[in-house]
Amino acid sequence: MPSFQTKLKITGLKPGNAPESVMAAAVEALGTRHHVESNQLDIVGGVPQISLRFTVDAQDYAGENDAARTSAAMVRDAVERVALTGALYVLRRSRGRWSPI
């Protein structure tokens, strides 16, 4: 199964939401479609960024990429219920390297 990663910048919390709710919303949304291998929070240039690594069921290359992009958009939609977001990235692992799709 191909491995993908989505990264989403978090620019703020919406009132009444705990910081933990950001990752919980992201993992829950992604977990409805794929196996979530890992998740982490990093600070990149002073801005929080969540990263989730996941697998997509094998199919044709373009179909796998489309599924990953759709799932990343679902993550963003779920997170936007509890936080303000910035840039969204989707990467595919190929030969030990992460490349944007």
PDB file of N, CA and C in Angstrom:
ATOM      1  N   MET A   1       0.842  -1.183   0.000  1.00  0.00           N
ATOM      2  CA  MET A   1       0.000   0.000   0.000  1.00  0.00           C
ATOM      3  C   MET A   1       0.883   1.240   0.000  1.00  0.00           C
ATOM      4  N   PRO A   2       0.560   2.189  -0.853  1.00  0.00           N
ATOM      5  CA  PRO A   2       1.347   3.423  -0.898  1.00  0.00           C
ATOM      6  C   PRO A   2       1.173   4.261   0.370  1.00  0.00           C
ATOM      7  N   SER A   3       2.233   4.947   0.737  1.00  0.00           N
ATOM      8  CA  SER A   3       2.245   5.772   1.939  1.00  0.00           C
ATOM      9  C   SER A   3       2.226   7.253   1.567  1.00  0.00           C
ATOM     10  N   PHE A   4       1.395   7.998   2.276  1.00  0.00           N
ATOM     11  CA  PHE A   4       1.251   9.429   2.041  1.00  0.00           C
ATOM     12  C   PHE A   4       1.387  10.173   3.358  1.00  0.00           C
ATOM     13  N   GLN A   5       1.573  11.472   3.241  1.00  0.00           N
ATOM     14  CA  GLN A   5       1.650  12.341   4.412  1.00  0.00           C
ATOM     15  C   GLN A   5       0.931  13.646   4.068  1.00  0.00           C
ATOM     16  N   THR A   6       0.154  14.117   5.023  1.00  0.00           N
ATOM     17  CA  THR A   6      -0.445  15.434   4.856  1.00  0.00           C
ATOM     18  C   THR A   6       0.062  16.318   5.980  1.00  0.00           C
ATOM     19  N   LYS A   7       0.342  17.562   5.645  1.00  0.00           N
ATOM     20  CA  LYS A   7       0.826  18.551   6.610  1.00  0.00           C
ATOM     21  C   LYS A   7      -0.096  19.752   6.524  1.00  0.00           C
ATOM     22  N   LEU A   8      -0.506  20.247   7.678  1.00  0.00           N
ATOM     23  CA  LEU A   8      -1.443  21.364   7.729  1.00  0.00           C
ATOM     24  C   LEU A   8      -0.985  22.367   8.776  1.00  0.00           C
ATOM     25  N   LYS A   9      -0.811  23.597   8.351  1.00  0.00           N
ATOM     26  CA  LYS A   9      -0.436  24.676   9.280  1.00  0.00           C
ATOM     27  C   LYS A   9      -1.658  25.063  10.100  1.00  0.00           C
ATOM     28  N   ILE A  10      -1.438  25.328  11.378  1.00  0.00           N
ATOM     29  CA  ILE A  10      -2.502  25.748  12.294  1.00  0.00           C
ATOM     30  C   ILE A  10      -2.179  27.167  12.739  1.00  0.00           C
ATOM     31  N   THR A  11      -3.059  28.110  12.418  1.00  0.00           N
ATOM     32  CA  THR A  11      -2.767  29.511  12.721  1.00  0.00           C
ATOM     33  C   THR A  11      -3.485  30.019  13.962  1.00  0.00           C
ATOM     34  N   GLY A  12      -4.380  29.215  14.533  1.00  0.00           N
ATOM     35  CA  GLY A  12      -5.053  29.625  15.760  1.00  0.00           C
ATOM     36  C   GLY A  12      -6.164  28.665  16.122  1.00  0.00           C
ATOM     37  N   LEU A  13      -6.592  28.732  17.372  1.00  0.00           N
ATOM     38  CA  LEU A  13      -7.714  27.919  17.846  1.00  0.00           C
ATOM     39  C   LEU A  13      -8.988  28.746  17.816  1.00  0.00           C
ATOM     40  N   LYS A  14     -10.092  28.096  17.526  1.00  0.00           N
ATOM     41  CA  LYS A  14     -11.381  28.771  17.630  1.00  0.00           C
ATOM     42  C   LYS A  14     -11.800  28.742  19.095  1.00  0.00           C
ATOM     43  N   PRO A  15     -12.529  29.765  19.540  1.00  0.00           N
ATOM     44  CA  PRO A  15     -12.913  29.847  20.954  1.00  0.00           C
ATOM     45  C   PRO A  15     -13.601  28.577  21.450  1.00  0.00           C
ATOM     46  N   GLY A  16     -13.222  28.196  22.670  1.00  0.00           N
ATOM     47  CA  GLY A  16     -13.849  27.050  23.324  1.00  0.00           C
ATOM     48  C   GLY A  16     -13.248  25.705  22.960  1.00  0.00           C
ATOM     49  N   ASN A  17     -12.172  25.687  22.189  1.00  0.00           N
ATOM     50  CA  ASN A  17     -11.542  24.427  21.789  1.00  0.00           C
ATOM     51  C   ASN A  17     -10.154  24.300  22.403  1.00  0.00           C
ATOM     52  N   ALA A  18      -9.868  23.110  22.906  1.00  0.00           N
ATOM     53  CA  ALA A  18      -8.565  22.823  23.496  1.00  0.00           C
ATOM     54  C   ALA A  18      -7.562  22.506  22.380  1.00  0.00           C
ATOM     55  N   PRO A  19      -6.284  22.769  22.597  1.00  0.00           N
ATOM     56  CA  PRO A  19      -5.274  22.458  21.583  1.00  0.00           C
ATOM     57  C   PRO A  19      -5.316  20.992  21.121  1.00  0.00           C
ATOM     58  N   GLU A  20      -5.615  20.081  22.032  1.00  0.00           N
ATOM     59  CA  GLU A  20      -5.654  18.658  21.705  1.00  0.00           C
ATOM     60  C   GLU A  20      -6.749  18.322  20.698  1.00  0.00           C
ATOM     61  N   SER A  21      -7.765  19.175  20.621  1.00  0.00           N
ATOM     62  CA  SER A  21      -8.882  18.894  19.717  1.00  0.00           C
ATOM     63  C   SER A  21      -8.475  18.989  18.243  1.00  0.00           C
ATOM     64  N   VAL A  22      -7.406  19.702  17.968  1.00  0.00           N
ATOM     65  CA  VAL A  22      -6.935  19.838  16.578  1.00  0.00           C
ATOM     66  C   VAL A  22      -6.484  18.481  16.046  1.00  0.00           C
ATOM     67  N   MET A  23      -5.572  17.830  16.746  1.00  0.00           N
ATOM     68  CA  MET A  23      -5.070  16.536  16.287  1.00  0.00           C
ATOM     69  C   MET A  23      -6.163  15.485  16.350  1.00  0.00           C
ATOM     70  N   ALA A  24      -6.986  15.535  17.383  1.00  0.00           N
ATOM     71  CA  ALA A  24      -8.074  14.562  17.495  1.00  0.00           C
ATOM     72  C   ALA A  24      -9.010  14.647  16.291  1.00  0.00           C
ATOM     73  N   ALA A  25      -9.352  15.853  15.873  1.00  0.00           N
ATOM     74  CA  ALA A  25     -10.234  16.031  14.712  1.00  0.00           C
ATOM     75  C   ALA A  25      -9.566  15.518  13.440  1.00  0.00           C
ATOM     76  N   ALA A  26      -8.283  15.789  13.291  1.00  0.00           N
ATOM     77  CA  ALA A  26      -7.549  15.362  12.092  1.00  0.00           C
ATOM     78  C   ALA A  26      -7.465  13.840  12.005  1.00  0.00           C
ATOM     79  N   VAL A  27      -7.091  13.203  13.098  1.00  0.00           N
ATOM     80  CA  VAL A  27      -6.942  11.743  13.111  1.00  0.00           C
ATOM     81  C   VAL A  27      -8.292  11.068  12.903  1.00  0.00           C
ATOM     82  N   GLU A  28      -9.318  11.590  13.534  1.00  0.00           N
ATOM     83  CA  GLU A  28     -10.654  11.004  13.385  1.00  0.00           C
ATOM     84  C   GLU A  28     -11.124  11.087  11.932  1.00  0.00           C
ATOM     85  N   ALA A  29     -10.963  12.240  11.306  1.00  0.00           N
ATOM     86  CA  ALA A  29     -11.405  12.410   9.920  1.00  0.00           C
ATOM     87  C   ALA A  29     -10.630  11.488   8.978  1.00  0.00           C
ATOM     88  N   LEU A  30      -9.320  11.446   9.108  1.00  0.00           N
ATOM     89  CA  LEU A  30      -8.499  10.629   8.224  1.00  0.00           C
ATOM     90  C   LEU A  30      -8.746   9.142   8.459  1.00  0.00           C
ATOM     91  N   GLY A  31      -8.962   8.782   9.711  1.00  0.00           N
ATOM     92  CA  GLY A  31      -9.199   7.383  10.069  1.00  0.00           C
ATOM     93  C   GLY A  31     -10.485   6.800   9.510  1.00  0.00           C
ATOM     94  N   THR A  32     -11.402   7.649   9.055  1.00  0.00           N
ATOM     95  CA  THR A  32     -12.634   7.127   8.459  1.00  0.00           C
ATOM     96  C   THR A  32     -12.383   6.526   7.087  1.00  0.00           C
ATOM     97  N   ARG A  33     -11.257   6.877   6.456  1.00  0.00           N
ATOM     98  CA  ARG A  33     -10.962   6.385   5.095  1.00  0.00           C
ATOM     99  C   ARG A  33      -9.684   5.563   4.990  1.00  0.00           C
ATOM    100  N   HIS A  34      -8.724   5.823   5.870  1.00  0.00           N
ATOM    101  CA  HIS A  34      -7.407   5.192   5.725  1.00  0.00           C
ATOM    102  C   HIS A  34      -6.847   4.793   7.087  1.00  0.00           C
ATOM    103  N   HIS A  35      -5.814   3.960   7.022  1.00  0.00           N
ATOM    104  CA  HIS A  35      -5.072   3.613   8.228  1.00  0.00           C
ATOM    105  C   HIS A  35      -4.083   4.748   8.514  1.00  0.00           C
ATOM    106  N   VAL A  36      -4.195   5.360   9.686  1.00  0.00           N
ATOM    107  CA  VAL A  36      -3.284   6.436  10.087  1.00  0.00           C
ATOM    108  C   VAL A  36      -2.081   5.781  10.770  1.00  0.00           C
ATOM    109  N   GLU A  37      -0.911   5.914  10.157  1.00  0.00           N
ATOM    110  CA  GLU A  37       0.299   5.285  10.676  1.00  0.00           C
ATOM    111  C   GLU A  37       0.920   6.079  11.806  1.00  0.00           C
ATOM    112  N   SER A  38       0.882   7.406  11.694  1.00  0.00           N
ATOM    113  CA  SER A  38       1.467   8.244  12.741  1.00  0.00           C
ATOM    114  C   SER A  38       0.934   9.664  12.611  1.00  0.00           C
ATOM    115  N   ASN A  39       1.110  10.416  13.689  1.00  0.00           N
ATOM    116  CA  ASN A  39       0.750  11.836  13.668  1.00  0.00           C
ATOM    117  C   ASN A  39       1.683  12.565  14.611  1.00  0.00           C
ATOM    118  N   GLN A  40       1.942  13.830  14.295  1.00  0.00           N
ATOM    119  CA  GLN A  40       2.813  14.629  15.158  1.00  0.00           C
ATOM    120  C   GLN A  40       2.537  16.112  14.957  1.00  0.00           C
ATOM    121  N   LEU A  41       2.956  16.860  15.932  1.00  0.00           N
ATOM    122  CA  LEU A  41       2.861  18.314  15.910  1.00  0.00           C
ATOM    123  C   LEU A  41       4.279  18.871  15.899  1.00  0.00           C
ATOM    124  N   ASP A  42       4.550  19.762  14.965  1.00  0.00           N
ATOM    125  CA  ASP A  42       5.848  20.435  14.876  1.00  0.00           C
ATOM    126  C   ASP A  42       5.612  21.939  14.870  1.00  0.00           C
ATOM    127  N   ILE A  43       6.644  22.678  15.210  1.00  0.00           N
ATOM    128  CA  ILE A  43       6.621  24.134  15.075  1.00  0.00           C
ATOM    129  C   ILE A  43       7.586  24.465  13.942  1.00  0.00           C
ATOM    130  N   VAL A  44       7.037  25.006  12.850  1.00  0.00           N
ATOM    131  CA  VAL A  44       7.831  25.305  11.663  1.00  0.00           C
ATOM    132  C   VAL A  44       7.796  26.810  11.442  1.00  0.00           C
ATOM    133  N   GLY A  45       8.940  27.457  11.612  1.00  0.00           N
ATOM    134  CA  GLY A  45       9.001  28.908  11.460  1.00  0.00           C
ATOM    135  C   GLY A  45       8.098  29.624  12.450  1.00  0.00           C
ATOM    136  N   GLY A  46       7.955  29.048  13.647  1.00  0.00           N
ATOM    137  CA  GLY A  46       7.120  29.649  14.679  1.00  0.00           C
ATOM    138  C   GLY A  46       5.631  29.359  14.540  1.00  0.00           C
ATOM    139  N   VAL A  47       5.250  28.551  13.542  1.00  0.00           N
ATOM    140  CA  VAL A  47       3.835  28.232  13.302  1.00  0.00           C
ATOM    141  C   VAL A  47       3.611  26.744  13.536  1.00  0.00           C
ATOM    142  N   PRO A  48       2.601  26.384  14.341  1.00  0.00           N
ATOM    143  CA  PRO A  48       2.302  24.964  14.540  1.00  0.00           C
ATOM    144  C   PRO A  48       1.888  24.307  13.220  1.00  0.00           C
ATOM    145  N   GLN A  49       2.320  23.061  13.052  1.00  0.00           N
ATOM    146  CA  GLN A  49       1.964  22.290  11.863  1.00  0.00           C
ATOM    147  C   GLN A  49       1.719  20.852  12.289  1.00  0.00           C
ATOM    148  N   ILE A  50       0.555  20.303  11.905  1.00  0.00           N
ATOM    149  CA  ILE A  50       0.307  18.896  12.184  1.00  0.00           C
ATOM    150  C   ILE A  50       0.688  18.086  10.946  1.00  0.00           C
ATOM    151  N   SER A  51       1.190  16.888  11.190  1.00  0.00           N
ATOM    152  CA  SER A  51       1.566  15.963  10.114  1.00  0.00           C
ATOM    153  C   SER A  51       0.939  14.618  10.418  1.00  0.00           C
ATOM    154  N   LEU A  52       0.291  14.048   9.423  1.00  0.00           N
ATOM    155  CA  LEU A  52      -0.304  12.729   9.561  1.00  0.00           C
ATOM    156  C   LEU A  52       0.179  11.854   8.417  1.00  0.00           C
ATOM    157  N   ARG A  53       0.661  10.675   8.769  1.00  0.00           N
ATOM    158  CA  ARG A  53       1.132   9.714   7.771  1.00  0.00           C
ATOM    159  C   ARG A  53       0.080   8.629   7.656  1.00  0.00           C
ATOM    160  N   PHE A  54      -0.260   8.232   6.421  1.00  0.00           N
ATOM    161  CA  PHE A  54      -1.328   7.263   6.216  1.00  0.00           C
ATOM    162  C   PHE A  54      -1.101   6.448   4.951  1.00  0.00           C
ATOM    163  N   THR A  55      -1.786   5.324   4.859  1.00  0.00           N
ATOM    164  CA  THR A  55      -1.702   4.489   3.665  1.00  0.00           C
ATOM    165  C   THR A  55      -3.013   4.574   2.894  1.00  0.00           C
ATOM    166  N   VAL A  56      -2.904   4.377   1.595  1.00  0.00           N
ATOM    167  CA  VAL A  56      -4.054   4.378   0.694  1.00  0.00           C
ATOM    168  C   VAL A  56      -4.109   3.005   0.038  1.00  0.00           C
ATOM    169  N   ASP A  57      -5.311   2.453  -0.120  1.00  0.00           N
ATOM    170  CA  ASP A  57      -5.450   1.163  -0.798  1.00  0.00           C
ATOM    171  C   ASP A  57      -4.855   1.247  -2.200  1.00  0.00           C
ATOM    172  N   ALA A  58      -4.147   0.198  -2.590  1.00  0.00           N
ATOM    173  CA  ALA A  58      -3.484   0.169  -3.889  1.00  0.00           C
ATOM    174  C   ALA A  58      -4.504   0.207  -5.030  1.00  0.00           C
ATOM    175  N   GLN A  59      -4.214   1.028  -5.999  1.00  0.00           N
ATOM    176  CA  GLN A  59      -4.976   1.135  -7.244  1.00  0.00           C
ATOM    177  C   GLN A  59      -4.037   1.761  -8.259  1.00  0.00           C
ATOM    178  N   ASP A  60      -4.540   2.407  -9.275  1.00  0.00           N
ATOM    179  CA  ASP A  60      -3.635   3.064 -10.214  1.00  0.00           C
ATOM    180  C   ASP A  60      -3.018   4.295  -9.543  1.00  0.00           C
ATOM    181  N   TYR A  61      -1.850   4.707 -10.021  1.00  0.00           N
ATOM    182  CA  TYR A  61      -1.068   5.790  -9.420  1.00  0.00           C
ATOM    183  C   TYR A  61      -1.896   7.069  -9.249  1.00  0.00           C
ATOM    184  N   ALA A  62      -2.579   7.486 -10.312  1.00  0.00           N
ATOM    185  CA  ALA A  62      -3.378   8.718 -10.251  1.00  0.00           C
ATOM    186  C   ALA A  62      -4.535   8.571  -9.261  1.00  0.00           C
ATOM    187  N   GLY A  63      -5.143   7.411  -9.227  1.00  0.00           N
ATOM    188  CA  GLY A  63      -6.243   7.174  -8.285  1.00  0.00           C
ATOM    189  C   GLY A  63      -5.785   7.236  -6.841  1.00  0.00           C
ATOM    190  N   GLU A  64      -4.602   6.700  -6.573  1.00  0.00           N
ATOM    191  CA  GLU A  64      -4.038   6.765  -5.225  1.00  0.00           C
ATOM    192  C   GLU A  64      -3.788   8.218  -4.817  1.00  0.00           C
ATOM    193  N   ASN A  65      -3.217   8.991  -5.735  1.00  0.00           N
ATOM    194  CA  ASN A  65      -2.952  10.403  -5.452  1.00  0.00           C
ATOM    195  C   ASN A  65      -4.257  11.173  -5.227  1.00  0.00           C
ATOM    196  N   ASP A  66      -5.269  10.904  -6.043  1.00  0.00           N
ATOM    197  CA  ASP A  66      -6.568  11.567  -5.872  1.00  0.00           C
ATOM    198  C   ASP A  66      -7.181  11.235  -4.516  1.00  0.00           C
ATOM    199  N   ALA A  67      -7.091   9.967  -4.120  1.00  0.00           N
ATOM    200  CA  ALA A  67      -7.633   9.552  -2.828  1.00  0.00           C
ATOM    201  C   ALA A  67      -6.912  10.276  -1.693  1.00  0.00           C
ATOM    202  N   ALA A  68      -5.594  10.410  -1.807  1.00  0.00           N
ATOM    203  CA  ALA A  68      -4.810  11.100  -0.771  1.00  0.00           C
ATOM    204  C   ALA A  68      -5.182  12.578  -0.697  1.00  0.00           C
ATOM    205  N   ARG A  69      -5.341  13.220  -1.848  1.00  0.00           N
ATOM    206  CA  ARG A  69      -5.723  14.645  -1.861  1.00  0.00           C
ATOM    207  C   ARG A  69      -7.116  14.849  -1.266  1.00  0.00           C
ATOM    208  N   THR A  70      -8.036  13.981  -1.624  1.00  0.00           N
ATOM    209  CA  THR A  70      -9.406  14.071  -1.087  1.00  0.00           C
ATOM    210  C   THR A  70      -9.391  13.906   0.425  1.00  0.00           C
ATOM    211  N   SER A  71      -8.619  12.955   0.900  1.00  0.00           N
ATOM    212  CA  SER A  71      -8.532  12.719   2.343  1.00  0.00           C
ATOM    213  C   SER A  71      -7.886  13.888   3.066  1.00  0.00           C
ATOM    214  N   ALA A  72      -6.858  14.484   2.467  1.00  0.00           N
ATOM    215  CA  ALA A  72      -6.218  15.658   3.069  1.00  0.00           C
ATOM    216  C   ALA A  72      -7.220  16.809   3.171  1.00  0.00           C
ATOM    217  N   ALA A  73      -8.051  16.972   2.154  1.00  0.00           N
ATOM    218  CA  ALA A  73      -9.080  18.019   2.200  1.00  0.00           C
ATOM    219  C   ALA A  73     -10.088  17.734   3.314  1.00  0.00           C
ATOM    220  N   MET A  74     -10.405  16.455   3.539  1.00  0.00           N
ATOM    221  CA  MET A  74     -11.301  16.096   4.639  1.00  0.00           C
ATOM    222  C   MET A  74     -10.679  16.449   5.989  1.00  0.00           C
ATOM    223  N   VAL A  75      -9.366  16.230   6.098  1.00  0.00           N
ATOM    224  CA  VAL A  75      -8.660  16.584   7.334  1.00  0.00           C
ATOM    225  C   VAL A  75      -8.780  18.087   7.572  1.00  0.00           C
ATOM    226  N   ARG A  76      -8.518  18.863   6.532  1.00  0.00           N
ATOM    227  CA  ARG A  76      -8.617  20.318   6.666  1.00  0.00           C
ATOM    228  C   ARG A  76     -10.031  20.732   7.102  1.00  0.00           C
ATOM    229  N   ASP A  77     -11.051  20.177   6.463  1.00  0.00           N
ATOM    230  CA  ASP A  77     -12.436  20.506   6.815  1.00  0.00           C
ATOM    231  C   ASP A  77     -12.730  20.193   8.277  1.00  0.00           C
ATOM    232  N   ALA A  78     -12.261  19.039   8.750  1.00  0.00           N
ATOM    233  CA  ALA A  78     -12.503  18.647  10.142  1.00  0.00           C
ATOM    234  C   ALA A  78     -11.773  19.574  11.104  1.00  0.00           C
ATOM    235  N   VAL A  79     -10.531  19.893  10.791  1.00  0.00           N
ATOM    236  CA  VAL A  79      -9.728  20.757  11.673  1.00  0.00           C
ATOM    237  C   VAL A  79     -10.299  22.173  11.704  1.00  0.00           C
ATOM    238  N   GLU A  80     -10.837  22.629  10.585  1.00  0.00           N
ATOM    239  CA  GLU A  80     -11.379  23.992  10.537  1.00  0.00           C
ATOM    240  C   GLU A  80     -12.604  24.181  11.422  1.00  0.00           C
ATOM    241  N   ARG A  81     -13.167  23.107  11.934  1.00  0.00           N
ATOM    242  CA  ARG A  81     -14.270  23.219  12.902  1.00  0.00           C
ATOM    243  C   ARG A  81     -13.758  23.686  14.267  1.00  0.00           C
ATOM    244  N   VAL A  82     -12.459  23.412  14.534  1.00  0.00           N
ATOM    245  CA  VAL A  82     -11.907  23.742  15.849  1.00  0.00           C
ATOM    246  C   VAL A  82     -10.749  24.743  15.794  1.00  0.00           C
ATOM    247  N   ALA A  83     -10.208  24.978  14.601  1.00  0.00           N
ATOM    248  CA  ALA A  83      -9.027  25.840  14.499  1.00  0.00           C
ATOM    249  C   ALA A  83      -8.998  26.573  13.162  1.00  0.00           C
ATOM    250  N   LEU A  84      -8.158  27.582  13.114  1.00  0.00           N
ATOM    251  CA  LEU A  84      -7.892  28.294  11.863  1.00  0.00           C
ATOM    252  C   LEU A  84      -6.695  27.625  11.212  1.00  0.00           C
ATOM    253  N   THR A  85      -6.749  27.454   9.887  1.00  0.00           N
ATOM    254  CA  THR A  85      -5.681  26.725   9.211  1.00  0.00           C
ATOM    255  C   THR A  85      -4.979  27.586   8.168  1.00  0.00           C
ATOM    256  N   GLY A  86      -3.808  27.120   7.809  1.00  0.00           N
ATOM    257  CA  GLY A  86      -3.020  27.757   6.763  1.00  0.00           C
ATOM    258  C   GLY A  86      -2.777  26.772   5.641  1.00  0.00           C
ATOM    259  N   ALA A  87      -1.549  26.716   5.165  1.00  0.00           N
ATOM    260  CA  ALA A  87      -1.191  25.885   4.024  1.00  0.00           C
ATOM    261  C   ALA A  87      -1.389  24.395   4.305  1.00  0.00           C
ATOM    262  N   LEU A  88      -1.846  23.679   3.273  1.00  0.00           N
ATOM    263  CA  LEU A  88      -2.041  22.232   3.314  1.00  0.00           C
ATOM    264  C   LEU A  88      -1.114  21.605   2.275  1.00  0.00           C
ATOM    265  N   TYR A  89      -0.382  20.573   2.685  1.00  0.00           N
ATOM    266  CA  TYR A  89       0.529  19.871   1.789  1.00  0.00           C
ATOM    267  C   TYR A  89       0.175  18.394   1.776  1.00  0.00           C
ATOM    268  N   VAL A  90       0.339  17.752   0.623  1.00  0.00           N
ATOM    269  CA  VAL A  90       0.164  16.306   0.505  1.00  0.00           C
ATOM    270  C   VAL A  90       1.409  15.761  -0.174  1.00  0.00           C
ATOM    271  N   LEU A  91       2.024  14.760   0.460  1.00  0.00           N
ATOM    272  CA  LEU A  91       3.264  14.178  -0.057  1.00  0.00           C
ATOM    273  C   LEU A  91       3.106  12.666  -0.198  1.00  0.00           C
ATOM    274  N   ARG A  92       3.821  12.111  -1.155  1.00  0.00           N
ATOM    275  CA  ARG A  92       3.814  10.666  -1.387  1.00  0.00           C
ATOM    276  C   ARG A  92       5.227  10.136  -1.184  1.00  0.00           C
ATOM    277  N   ARG A  93       5.314   8.987  -0.522  1.00  0.00           N
ATOM    278  CA  ARG A  93       6.622   8.370  -0.308  1.00  0.00           C
ATOM    279  C   ARG A  93       6.937   7.462  -1.495  1.00  0.00           C
ATOM    280  N   SER A  94       8.087   7.702  -2.087  1.00  0.00           N
ATOM    281  CA  SER A  94       8.528   6.903  -3.218  1.00  0.00           C
ATOM    282  C   SER A  94      10.026   6.687  -3.111  1.00  0.00           C
ATOM    283  N   ARG A  95      10.426   5.444  -3.041  1.00  0.00           N
ATOM    284  CA  ARG A  95      11.845   5.097  -2.911  1.00  0.00           C
ATOM    285  C   ARG A  95      12.510   5.796  -1.736  1.00  0.00           C
ATOM    286  N   GLY A  96      11.823   5.797  -0.602  1.00  0.00           N
ATOM    287  CA  GLY A  96      12.384   6.365   0.611  1.00  0.00           C
ATOM    288  C   GLY A  96      12.373   7.870   0.697  1.00  0.00           C
ATOM    289  N   ARG A  97      11.698   8.528  -0.247  1.00  0.00           N
ATOM    290  CA  ARG A  97      11.696   9.979  -0.303  1.00  0.00           C
ATOM    291  C   ARG A  97      10.265  10.517  -0.337  1.00  0.00           C
ATOM    292  N   TRP A  98      10.002  11.647   0.326  1.00  0.00           N
ATOM    293  CA  TRP A  98       8.692  12.287   0.294  1.00  0.00           C
ATOM    294  C   TRP A  98       8.675  13.348  -0.799  1.00  0.00           C
ATOM    295  N   SER A  99       7.695  13.247  -1.694  1.00  0.00           N
ATOM    296  CA  SER A  99       7.565  14.205  -2.791  1.00  0.00           C
ATOM    297  C   SER A  99       6.155  14.757  -2.829  1.00  0.00           C
ATOM    298  N   PRO A 100       5.997  16.066  -3.058  1.00  0.00           N
ATOM    299  CA  PRO A 100       4.650  16.652  -3.159  1.00  0.00           C
ATOM    300  C   PRO A 100       3.888  16.061  -4.348  1.00  0.00           C
ATOM    301  N   ILE A 101       2.593  15.928  -4.158  1.00  0.00           N
ATOM    302  CA  ILE A 101       1.751  15.480  -5.292  1.00  0.00           C
ATOM    303  C   ILE A 101       0.790  16.579  -5.679  1.00  0.00           C
TER     304      ILE A 101
END
